[in-house]
Amino acid sequence: MVKNCNISSKYTEDGGASYKGHCGGFIGLCGGGTITGCSVENTVFDVKGPRCGIFVGTSNGAAITGTASFKNVTGLTDYVGNVAPANFQVVVTAE
């Protein structure tokens, strides 16, 4: 669980920056493995760049399973910034 965090990810666009800016509440870039049972609450994302997500910046083949939830999260709307697996389920919890 991630609670009461301020997460910042910034970069300068320089033409070769397509793989910079990975930012996630749990993982920026996951090149495999399993991510399950995540919750992000009361978190502010201050990001500039591609591939940024509330849970994972880029999954890149990771098995993200089960149900993830978040509430009171600002600055991002994507759950996974890039390559979200089809079996990833998200529950939005109201305040």
PDB file of N, CA and C in Angstrom:
ATOM      1  N   MET A   1       0.839  -1.189   0.000  1.00  0.00           N
ATOM      2  CA  MET A   1       0.000   0.000   0.000  1.00  0.00           C
ATOM      3  C   MET A   1       0.878   1.244   0.000  1.00  0.00           C
ATOM      4  N   VAL A   2       0.495   2.204  -0.801  1.00  0.00           N
ATOM      5  CA  VAL A   2       1.154   3.515  -0.827  1.00  0.00           C
ATOM      6  C   VAL A   2       0.157   4.532  -0.295  1.00  0.00           C
ATOM      7  N   LYS A   3       0.513   5.263   0.756  1.00  0.00           N
ATOM      8  CA  LYS A   3      -0.400   6.235   1.354  1.00  0.00           C
ATOM      9  C   LYS A   3       0.320   7.544   1.622  1.00  0.00           C
ATOM     10  N   ASN A   4      -0.399   8.633   1.419  1.00  0.00           N
ATOM     11  CA  ASN A   4       0.068   9.969   1.804  1.00  0.00           C
ATOM     12  C   ASN A   4       1.442  10.309   1.215  1.00  0.00           C
ATOM     13  N   CYS A   5       1.590  10.128  -0.096  1.00  0.00           N
ATOM     14  CA  CYS A   5       2.869  10.355  -0.769  1.00  0.00           C
ATOM     15  C   CYS A   5       2.798  11.492  -1.770  1.00  0.00           C
ATOM     16  N   ASN A   6       3.942  12.101  -2.007  1.00  0.00           N
ATOM     17  CA  ASN A   6       4.122  13.017  -3.126  1.00  0.00           C
ATOM     18  C   ASN A   6       5.200  12.413  -4.008  1.00  0.00           C
ATOM     19  N   ILE A   7       4.834  12.061  -5.235  1.00  0.00           N
ATOM     20  CA  ILE A   7       5.750  11.379  -6.146  1.00  0.00           C
ATOM     21  C   ILE A   7       6.010  12.278  -7.340  1.00  0.00           C
ATOM     22  N   SER A   8       7.283  12.545  -7.619  1.00  0.00           N
ATOM     23  CA  SER A   8       7.643  13.460  -8.694  1.00  0.00           C
ATOM     24  C   SER A   8       8.540  12.761  -9.702  1.00  0.00           C
ATOM     25  N   SER A   9       8.266  12.990 -10.992  1.00  0.00           N
ATOM     26  CA  SER A   9       9.097  12.434 -12.061  1.00  0.00           C
ATOM     27  C   SER A   9       9.126  13.442 -13.194  1.00  0.00           C
ATOM     28  N   LYS A  10      10.297  14.008 -13.471  1.00  0.00           N
ATOM     29  CA  LYS A  10      10.393  15.028 -14.509  1.00  0.00           C
ATOM     30  C   LYS A  10      11.619  14.778 -15.364  1.00  0.00           C
ATOM     31  N   TYR A  11      11.529  15.197 -16.607  1.00  0.00           N
ATOM     32  CA  TYR A  11      12.683  15.087 -17.493  1.00  0.00           C
ATOM     33  C   TYR A  11      12.593  16.197 -18.528  1.00  0.00           C
ATOM     34  N   THR A  12      13.673  16.440 -19.205  1.00  0.00           N
ATOM     35  CA  THR A  12      13.711  17.439 -20.262  1.00  0.00           C
ATOM     36  C   THR A  12      13.629  16.736 -21.605  1.00  0.00           C
ATOM     37  N   GLU A  13      12.689  17.131 -22.426  1.00  0.00           N
ATOM     38  CA  GLU A  13      12.535  16.532 -23.750  1.00  0.00           C
ATOM     39  C   GLU A  13      13.758  16.865 -24.585  1.00  0.00           C
ATOM     40  N   ASP A  14      14.447  15.829 -25.048  1.00  0.00           N
ATOM     41  CA  ASP A  14      15.669  16.068 -25.806  1.00  0.00           C
ATOM     42  C   ASP A  14      15.735  15.253 -27.100  1.00  0.00           C
ATOM     43  N   GLY A  15      14.607  14.728 -27.531  1.00  0.00           N
ATOM     44  CA  GLY A  15      14.587  13.952 -28.759  1.00  0.00           C
ATOM     45  C   GLY A  15      14.877  12.487 -28.538  1.00  0.00           C
ATOM     46  N   GLY A  16      15.607  12.152 -27.498  1.00  0.00           N
ATOM     47  CA  GLY A  16      15.888  10.756 -27.200  1.00  0.00           C
ATOM     48  C   GLY A  16      15.279  10.351 -25.874  1.00  0.00           C
ATOM     49  N   ALA A  17      14.249  11.044 -25.467  1.00  0.00           N
ATOM     50  CA  ALA A  17      13.713  10.862 -24.126  1.00  0.00           C
ATOM     51  C   ALA A  17      12.500   9.940 -24.069  1.00  0.00           C
ATOM     52  N   SER A  18      12.271   9.130 -25.091  1.00  0.00           N
ATOM     53  CA  SER A  18      11.047   8.334 -25.120  1.00  0.00           C
ATOM     54  C   SER A  18      10.994   7.293 -24.005  1.00  0.00           C
ATOM     55  N   TYR A  19      12.126   6.929 -23.431  1.00  0.00           N
ATOM     56  CA  TYR A  19      12.128   5.948 -22.356  1.00  0.00           C
ATOM     57  C   TYR A  19      12.411   6.571 -20.997  1.00  0.00           C
ATOM     58  N   LYS A  20      12.349   7.872 -20.918  1.00  0.00           N
ATOM     59  CA  LYS A  20      12.506   8.540 -19.634  1.00  0.00           C
ATOM     60  C   LYS A  20      11.122   8.844 -19.075  1.00  0.00           C
ATOM     61  N   GLY A  21      11.053   9.129 -17.798  1.00  0.00           N
ATOM     62  CA  GLY A  21       9.800   9.550 -17.199  1.00  0.00           C
ATOM     63  C   GLY A  21       8.952   8.435 -16.644  1.00  0.00           C
ATOM     64  N   HIS A  22       9.458   7.196 -16.619  1.00  0.00           N
ATOM     65  CA  HIS A  22       8.686   6.105 -16.023  1.00  0.00           C
ATOM     66  C   HIS A  22       8.375   6.465 -14.578  1.00  0.00           C
ATOM     67  N   CYS A  23       7.109   6.514 -14.235  1.00  0.00           N
ATOM     68  CA  CYS A  23       6.736   6.851 -12.872  1.00  0.00           C
ATOM     69  C   CYS A  23       5.490   6.073 -12.486  1.00  0.00           C
ATOM     70  N   GLY A  24       5.547   5.376 -11.361  1.00  0.00           N
ATOM     71  CA  GLY A  24       4.397   4.648 -10.857  1.00  0.00           C
ATOM     72  C   GLY A  24       4.352   4.704  -9.348  1.00  0.00           C
ATOM     73  N   GLY A  25       3.163   4.592  -8.792  1.00  0.00           N
ATOM     74  CA  GLY A  25       3.041   4.586  -7.340  1.00  0.00           C
ATOM     75  C   GLY A  25       3.781   3.430  -6.705  1.00  0.00           C
ATOM     76  N   PHE A  26       3.814   2.284  -7.408  1.00  0.00           N
ATOM     77  CA  PHE A  26       4.551   1.124  -6.919  1.00  0.00           C
ATOM     78  C   PHE A  26       5.852   0.917  -7.675  1.00  0.00           C
ATOM     79  N   ILE A  27       5.764   0.879  -9.004  1.00  0.00           N
ATOM     80  CA  ILE A  27       6.916   0.517  -9.821  1.00  0.00           C
ATOM     81  C   ILE A  27       6.988   1.425 -11.038  1.00  0.00           C
ATOM     82  N   GLY A  28       8.170   1.956 -11.331  1.00  0.00           N
ATOM     83  CA  GLY A  28       8.346   2.768 -12.528  1.00  0.00           C
ATOM     84  C   GLY A  28       8.401   1.910 -13.777  1.00  0.00           C
ATOM     85  N   LEU A  29       9.300   0.923 -13.800  1.00  0.00           N
ATOM     86  CA  LEU A  29       9.470   0.035 -14.945  1.00  0.00           C
ATOM     87  C   LEU A  29       9.647  -1.379 -14.429  1.00  0.00           C
ATOM     88  N   CYS A  30       8.719  -2.269 -14.793  1.00  0.00           N
ATOM     89  CA  CYS A  30       8.781  -3.651 -14.348  1.00  0.00           C
ATOM     90  C   CYS A  30       8.955  -4.548 -15.567  1.00  0.00           C
ATOM     91  N   GLY A  31      10.114  -5.182 -15.686  1.00  0.00           N
ATOM     92  CA  GLY A  31      10.410  -6.010 -16.845  1.00  0.00           C
ATOM     93  C   GLY A  31      10.038  -7.457 -16.672  1.00  0.00           C
ATOM     94  N   GLY A  32       9.135  -7.779 -15.817  1.00  0.00           N
ATOM     95  CA  GLY A  32       8.717  -9.158 -15.588  1.00  0.00           C
ATOM     96  C   GLY A  32       8.267  -9.330 -14.158  1.00  0.00           C
ATOM     97  N   GLY A  33       7.953 -10.543 -13.779  1.00  0.00           N
ATOM     98  CA  GLY A  33       7.507 -10.813 -12.424  1.00  0.00           C
ATOM     99  C   GLY A  33       6.012 -10.610 -12.279  1.00  0.00           C
ATOM    100  N   THR A  34       5.569 -10.509 -11.038  1.00  0.00           N
ATOM    101  CA  THR A  34       4.146 -10.397 -10.745  1.00  0.00           C
ATOM    102  C   THR A  34       3.892  -9.241  -9.786  1.00  0.00           C
ATOM    103  N   ILE A  35       2.856  -8.487 -10.071  1.00  0.00           N
ATOM    104  CA  ILE A  35       2.423  -7.399  -9.197  1.00  0.00           C
ATOM    105  C   ILE A  35       0.970  -7.696  -8.842  1.00  0.00           C
ATOM    106  N   THR A  36       0.644  -7.742  -7.569  1.00  0.00           N
ATOM    107  CA  THR A  36      -0.719  -8.088  -7.187  1.00  0.00           C
ATOM    108  C   THR A  36      -1.116  -7.396  -5.882  1.00  0.00           C
ATOM    109  N   GLY A  37      -2.418  -7.168  -5.707  1.00  0.00           N
ATOM    110  CA  GLY A  37      -2.957  -6.642  -4.467  1.00  0.00           C
ATOM    111  C   GLY A  37      -2.470  -5.258  -4.089  1.00  0.00           C
ATOM    112  N   CYS A  38      -2.545  -4.293  -4.996  1.00  0.00           N
ATOM    113  CA  CYS A  38      -2.019  -2.956  -4.761  1.00  0.00           C
ATOM    114  C   CYS A  38      -3.107  -1.972  -4.348  1.00  0.00           C
ATOM    115  N   SER A  39      -2.747  -1.018  -3.503  1.00  0.00           N
ATOM    116  CA  SER A  39      -3.640   0.064  -3.118  1.00  0.00           C
ATOM    117  C   SER A  39      -2.840   1.351  -3.011  1.00  0.00           C
ATOM    118  N   VAL A  40      -3.333   2.409  -3.644  1.00  0.00           N
ATOM    119  CA  VAL A  40      -2.688   3.719  -3.585  1.00  0.00           C
ATOM    120  C   VAL A  40      -3.710   4.718  -3.056  1.00  0.00           C
ATOM    121  N   GLU A  41      -3.353   5.419  -1.986  1.00  0.00           N
ATOM    122  CA  GLU A  41      -4.287   6.353  -1.360  1.00  0.00           C
ATOM    123  C   GLU A  41      -3.606   7.680  -1.042  1.00  0.00           C
ATOM    124  N   ASN A  42      -4.377   8.758  -1.149  1.00  0.00           N
ATOM    125  CA  ASN A  42      -3.927  10.095  -0.733  1.00  0.00           C
ATOM    126  C   ASN A  42      -2.553  10.437  -1.288  1.00  0.00           C
ATOM    127  N   THR A  43      -2.404  10.262  -2.591  1.00  0.00           N
ATOM    128  CA  THR A  43      -1.106  10.438  -3.238  1.00  0.00           C
ATOM    129  C   THR A  43      -1.195  11.472  -4.348  1.00  0.00           C
ATOM    130  N   VAL A  44      -0.198  12.346  -4.410  1.00  0.00           N
ATOM    131  CA  VAL A  44      -0.123  13.369  -5.450  1.00  0.00           C
ATOM    132  C   VAL A  44       1.036  13.029  -6.380  1.00  0.00           C
ATOM    133  N   PHE A  45       0.746  12.915  -7.675  1.00  0.00           N
ATOM    134  CA  PHE A  45       1.779  12.696  -8.679  1.00  0.00           C
ATOM    135  C   PHE A  45       2.068  14.015  -9.382  1.00  0.00           C
ATOM    136  N   ASP A  46       3.314  14.445  -9.332  1.00  0.00           N
ATOM    137  CA  ASP A  46       3.756  15.638 -10.050  1.00  0.00           C
ATOM    138  C   ASP A  46       4.691  15.149 -11.138  1.00  0.00           C
ATOM    139  N   VAL A  47       4.133  14.855 -12.306  1.00  0.00           N
ATOM    140  CA  VAL A  47       4.922  14.186 -13.341  1.00  0.00           C
ATOM    141  C   VAL A  47       4.955  14.986 -14.635  1.00  0.00           C
ATOM    142  N   LYS A  48       6.056  14.840 -15.339  1.00  0.00           N
ATOM    143  CA  LYS A  48       6.183  15.367 -16.691  1.00  0.00           C
ATOM    144  C   LYS A  48       6.952  14.315 -17.465  1.00  0.00           C
ATOM    145  N   GLY A  49       6.309  13.720 -18.428  1.00  0.00           N
ATOM    146  CA  GLY A  49       6.974  12.686 -19.190  1.00  0.00           C
ATOM    147  C   GLY A  49       6.035  11.555 -19.532  1.00  0.00           C
ATOM    148  N   PRO A  50       6.467  10.659 -20.399  1.00  0.00           N
ATOM    149  CA  PRO A  50       5.627   9.559 -20.848  1.00  0.00           C
ATOM    150  C   PRO A  50       5.656   8.395 -19.862  1.00  0.00           C
ATOM    151  N   ARG A  51       4.754   7.481 -20.065  1.00  0.00           N
ATOM    152  CA  ARG A  51       4.794   6.188 -19.381  1.00  0.00           C
ATOM    153  C   ARG A  51       4.709   6.315 -17.864  1.00  0.00           C
ATOM    154  N   CYS A  52       3.736   7.059 -17.413  1.00  0.00           N
ATOM    155  CA  CYS A  52       3.537   7.250 -15.983  1.00  0.00           C
ATOM    156  C   CYS A  52       2.158   6.747 -15.604  1.00  0.00           C
ATOM    157  N   GLY A  53       2.067   5.956 -14.537  1.00  0.00           N
ATOM    158  CA  GLY A  53       0.781   5.415 -14.123  1.00  0.00           C
ATOM    159  C   GLY A  53       0.623   5.398 -12.619  1.00  0.00           C
ATOM    160  N   ILE A  54      -0.616   5.379 -12.161  1.00  0.00           N
ATOM    161  CA  ILE A  54      -0.908   5.378 -10.734  1.00  0.00           C
ATOM    162  C   ILE A  54      -0.249   4.179 -10.043  1.00  0.00           C
ATOM    163  N   PHE A  55      -0.261   3.022 -10.706  1.00  0.00           N
ATOM    164  CA  PHE A  55       0.350   1.829 -10.123  1.00  0.00           C
ATOM    165  C   PHE A  55       1.718   1.530 -10.721  1.00  0.00           C
ATOM    166  N   VAL A  56       1.797   1.504 -12.053  1.00  0.00           N
ATOM    167  CA  VAL A  56       3.029   1.117 -12.735  1.00  0.00           C
ATOM    168  C   VAL A  56       3.272   2.062 -13.903  1.00  0.00           C
ATOM    169  N   GLY A  57       4.508   2.525 -14.055  1.00  0.00           N
ATOM    170  CA  GLY A  57       4.839   3.366 -15.189  1.00  0.00           C
ATOM    171  C   GLY A  57       4.778   2.585 -16.490  1.00  0.00           C
ATOM    172  N   THR A  58       5.517   1.485 -16.584  1.00  0.00           N
ATOM    173  CA  THR A  58       5.502   0.597 -17.744  1.00  0.00           C
ATOM    174  C   THR A  58       5.582  -0.835 -17.253  1.00  0.00           C
ATOM    175  N   SER A  59       4.627  -1.678 -17.674  1.00  0.00           N
ATOM    176  CA  SER A  59       4.621  -3.057 -17.195  1.00  0.00           C
ATOM    177  C   SER A  59       5.597  -3.941 -17.960  1.00  0.00           C
ATOM    178  N   ASN A  60       5.745  -3.716 -19.254  1.00  0.00           N
ATOM    179  CA  ASN A  60       6.758  -4.407 -20.070  1.00  0.00           C
ATOM    180  C   ASN A  60       6.793  -5.908 -19.836  1.00  0.00           C
ATOM    181  N   GLY A  61       5.618  -6.550 -19.863  1.00  0.00           N
ATOM    182  CA  GLY A  61       5.557  -7.995 -19.730  1.00  0.00           C
ATOM    183  C   GLY A  61       5.297  -8.503 -18.333  1.00  0.00           C
ATOM    184  N   ALA A  62       5.163  -7.626 -17.357  1.00  0.00           N
ATOM    185  CA  ALA A  62       4.880  -8.067 -15.995  1.00  0.00           C
ATOM    186  C   ALA A  62       3.471  -8.624 -15.908  1.00  0.00           C
ATOM    187  N   ALA A  63       3.278  -9.621 -15.072  1.00  0.00           N
ATOM    188  CA  ALA A  63       1.953 -10.173 -14.834  1.00  0.00           C
ATOM    189  C   ALA A  63       1.310  -9.398 -13.686  1.00  0.00           C
ATOM    190  N   ILE A  64       0.461  -8.473 -14.025  1.00  0.00           N
ATOM    191  CA  ILE A  64      -0.237  -7.690 -13.005  1.00  0.00           C
ATOM    192  C   ILE A  64      -1.599  -8.330 -12.819  1.00  0.00           C
ATOM    193  N   THR A  65      -1.834  -8.920 -11.657  1.00  0.00           N
ATOM    194  CA  THR A  65      -3.035  -9.717 -11.458  1.00  0.00           C
ATOM    195  C   THR A  65      -3.831  -9.236 -10.255  1.00  0.00           C
ATOM    196  N   GLY A  66      -5.019  -9.774 -10.135  1.00  0.00           N
ATOM    197  CA  GLY A  66      -5.861  -9.432  -9.000  1.00  0.00           C
ATOM    198  C   GLY A  66      -6.519  -8.082  -9.181  1.00  0.00           C
ATOM    199  N   THR A  67      -6.896  -7.475  -8.080  1.00  0.00           N
ATOM    200  CA  THR A  67      -7.602  -6.202  -8.089  1.00  0.00           C
ATOM    201  C   THR A  67      -6.777  -5.139  -7.381  1.00  0.00           C
ATOM    202  N   ALA A  68      -6.628  -4.018  -8.011  1.00  0.00           N
ATOM    203  CA  ALA A  68      -5.932  -2.890  -7.407  1.00  0.00           C
ATOM    204  C   ALA A  68      -6.955  -1.791  -7.135  1.00  0.00           C
ATOM    205  N   SER A  69      -6.697  -0.965  -6.135  1.00  0.00           N
ATOM    206  CA  SER A  69      -7.631   0.105  -5.816  1.00  0.00           C
ATOM    207  C   SER A  69      -6.874   1.396  -5.528  1.00  0.00           C
ATOM    208  N   PHE A  70      -7.570   2.512  -5.754  1.00  0.00           N
ATOM    209  CA  PHE A  70      -6.994   3.785  -5.363  1.00  0.00           C
ATOM    210  C   PHE A  70      -8.092   4.747  -4.971  1.00  0.00           C
ATOM    211  N   LYS A  71      -7.739   5.713  -4.120  1.00  0.00           N
ATOM    212  CA  LYS A  71      -8.670   6.787  -3.768  1.00  0.00           C
ATOM    213  C   LYS A  71      -7.874   8.033  -3.445  1.00  0.00           C
ATOM    214  N   ASN A  72      -8.476   9.171  -3.740  1.00  0.00           N
ATOM    215  CA  ASN A  72      -7.865  10.470  -3.477  1.00  0.00           C
ATOM    216  C   ASN A  72      -6.462  10.551  -4.074  1.00  0.00           C
ATOM    217  N   VAL A  73      -6.385  10.279  -5.381  1.00  0.00           N
ATOM    218  CA  VAL A  73      -5.129  10.352  -6.120  1.00  0.00           C
ATOM    219  C   VAL A  73      -5.242  11.474  -7.143  1.00  0.00           C
ATOM    220  N   THR A  74      -4.247  12.368  -7.190  1.00  0.00           N
ATOM    221  CA  THR A  74      -4.283  13.468  -8.146  1.00  0.00           C
ATOM    222  C   THR A  74      -3.020  13.477  -8.989  1.00  0.00           C
ATOM    223  N   GLY A  75      -3.122  14.032 -10.183  1.00  0.00           N
ATOM    224  CA  GLY A  75      -1.977  14.218 -11.066  1.00  0.00           C
ATOM    225  C   GLY A  75      -1.862  13.184 -12.166  1.00  0.00           C
ATOM    226  N   LEU A  76      -2.501  12.024 -12.004  1.00  0.00           N
ATOM    227  CA  LEU A  76      -2.491  10.991 -13.037  1.00  0.00           C
ATOM    228  C   LEU A  76      -3.865  10.369 -13.167  1.00  0.00           C
ATOM    229  N   THR A  77      -4.191   9.913 -14.373  1.00  0.00           N
ATOM    230  CA  THR A  77      -5.453   9.207 -14.578  1.00  0.00           C
ATOM    231  C   THR A  77      -5.246   7.778 -15.078  1.00  0.00           C
ATOM    232  N   ASP A  78      -4.082   7.472 -15.645  1.00  0.00           N
ATOM    233  CA  ASP A  78      -3.815   6.122 -16.139  1.00  0.00           C
ATOM    234  C   ASP A  78      -3.369   5.216 -14.998  1.00  0.00           C
ATOM    235  N   TYR A  79      -3.897   4.010 -14.977  1.00  0.00           N
ATOM    236  CA  TYR A  79      -3.507   3.044 -13.951  1.00  0.00           C
ATOM    237  C   TYR A  79      -2.109   2.511 -14.236  1.00  0.00           C
ATOM    238  N   VAL A  80      -1.891   2.123 -15.502  1.00  0.00           N
ATOM    239  CA  VAL A  80      -0.576   1.703 -15.971  1.00  0.00           C
ATOM    240  C   VAL A  80      -0.241   2.598 -17.140  1.00  0.00           C
ATOM    241  N   GLY A  81       0.928   3.229 -17.107  1.00  0.00           N
ATOM    242  CA  GLY A  81       1.270   4.195 -18.136  1.00  0.00           C
ATOM    243  C   GLY A  81       1.463   3.599 -19.519  1.00  0.00           C
ATOM    244  N   ASN A  82       1.945   2.349 -19.598  1.00  0.00           N
ATOM    245  CA  ASN A  82       2.231   1.744 -20.895  1.00  0.00           C
ATOM    246  C   ASN A  82       2.138   0.227 -20.787  1.00  0.00           C
ATOM    247  N   VAL A  83       1.527  -0.399 -21.778  1.00  0.00           N
ATOM    248  CA  VAL A  83       1.415  -1.846 -21.904  1.00  0.00           C
ATOM    249  C   VAL A  83       0.679  -2.456 -20.707  1.00  0.00           C
ATOM    250  N   ALA A  84      -0.533  -2.032 -20.470  1.00  0.00           N
ATOM    251  CA  ALA A  84      -1.331  -2.596 -19.385  1.00  0.00           C
ATOM    252  C   ALA A  84      -1.854  -3.977 -19.781  1.00  0.00           C
ATOM    253  N   PRO A  85      -1.583  -5.010 -18.976  1.00  0.00           N
ATOM    254  CA  PRO A  85      -2.094  -6.343 -19.297  1.00  0.00           C
ATOM    255  C   PRO A  85      -3.619  -6.405 -19.232  1.00  0.00           C
ATOM    256  N   ALA A  86      -4.205  -7.291 -19.998  1.00  0.00           N
ATOM    257  CA  ALA A  86      -5.663  -7.392 -20.071  1.00  0.00           C
ATOM    258  C   ALA A  86      -6.278  -7.863 -18.764  1.00  0.00           C
ATOM    259  N   ASN A  87      -5.519  -8.598 -17.943  1.00  0.00           N
ATOM    260  CA  ASN A  87      -6.087  -9.146 -16.713  1.00  0.00           C
ATOM    261  C   ASN A  87      -5.933  -8.212 -15.512  1.00  0.00           C
ATOM    262  N   PHE A  88      -5.507  -6.992 -15.740  1.00  0.00           N
ATOM    263  CA  PHE A  88      -5.342  -6.028 -14.658  1.00  0.00           C
ATOM    264  C   PHE A  88      -6.673  -5.353 -14.389  1.00  0.00           C
ATOM    265  N   GLN A  89      -7.215  -5.521 -13.189  1.00  0.00           N
ATOM    266  CA  GLN A  89      -8.501  -4.927 -12.816  1.00  0.00           C
ATOM    267  C   GLN A  89      -8.277  -3.842 -11.772  1.00  0.00           C
ATOM    268  N   VAL A  90      -8.991  -2.744 -11.928  1.00  0.00           N
ATOM    269  CA  VAL A  90      -8.840  -1.627 -10.998  1.00  0.00           C
ATOM    270  C   VAL A  90     -10.201  -1.270 -10.413  1.00  0.00           C
ATOM    271  N   VAL A  91     -10.235  -1.080  -9.114  1.00  0.00           N
ATOM    272  CA  VAL A  91     -11.436  -0.623  -8.436  1.00  0.00           C
ATOM    273  C   VAL A  91     -11.180   0.781  -7.918  1.00  0.00           C
ATOM    274  N   VAL A  92     -12.001   1.740  -8.327  1.00  0.00           N
ATOM    275  CA  VAL A  92     -11.871   3.109  -7.861  1.00  0.00           C
ATOM    276  C   VAL A  92     -12.727   3.266  -6.612  1.00  0.00           C
ATOM    277  N   THR A  93     -12.111   3.601  -5.515  1.00  0.00           N
ATOM    278  CA  THR A  93     -12.810   3.732  -4.246  1.00  0.00           C
ATOM    279  C   THR A  93     -13.098   5.203  -3.970  1.00  0.00           C
ATOM    280  N   ALA A  94     -14.348   5.534  -3.756  1.00  0.00           N
ATOM    281  CA  ALA A  94     -14.718   6.918  -3.478  1.00  0.00           C
ATOM    282  C   ALA A  94     -14.305   7.300  -2.063  1.00  0.00           C
ATOM    283  N   GLU A  95     -14.029   8.591  -1.872  1.00  0.00           N
ATOM    284  CA  GLU A  95     -13.686   9.097  -0.539  1.00  0.00           C
ATOM    285  C   GLU A  95     -14.913   9.063   0.337  1.00  0.00           C
TER     286      GLU A  95
END
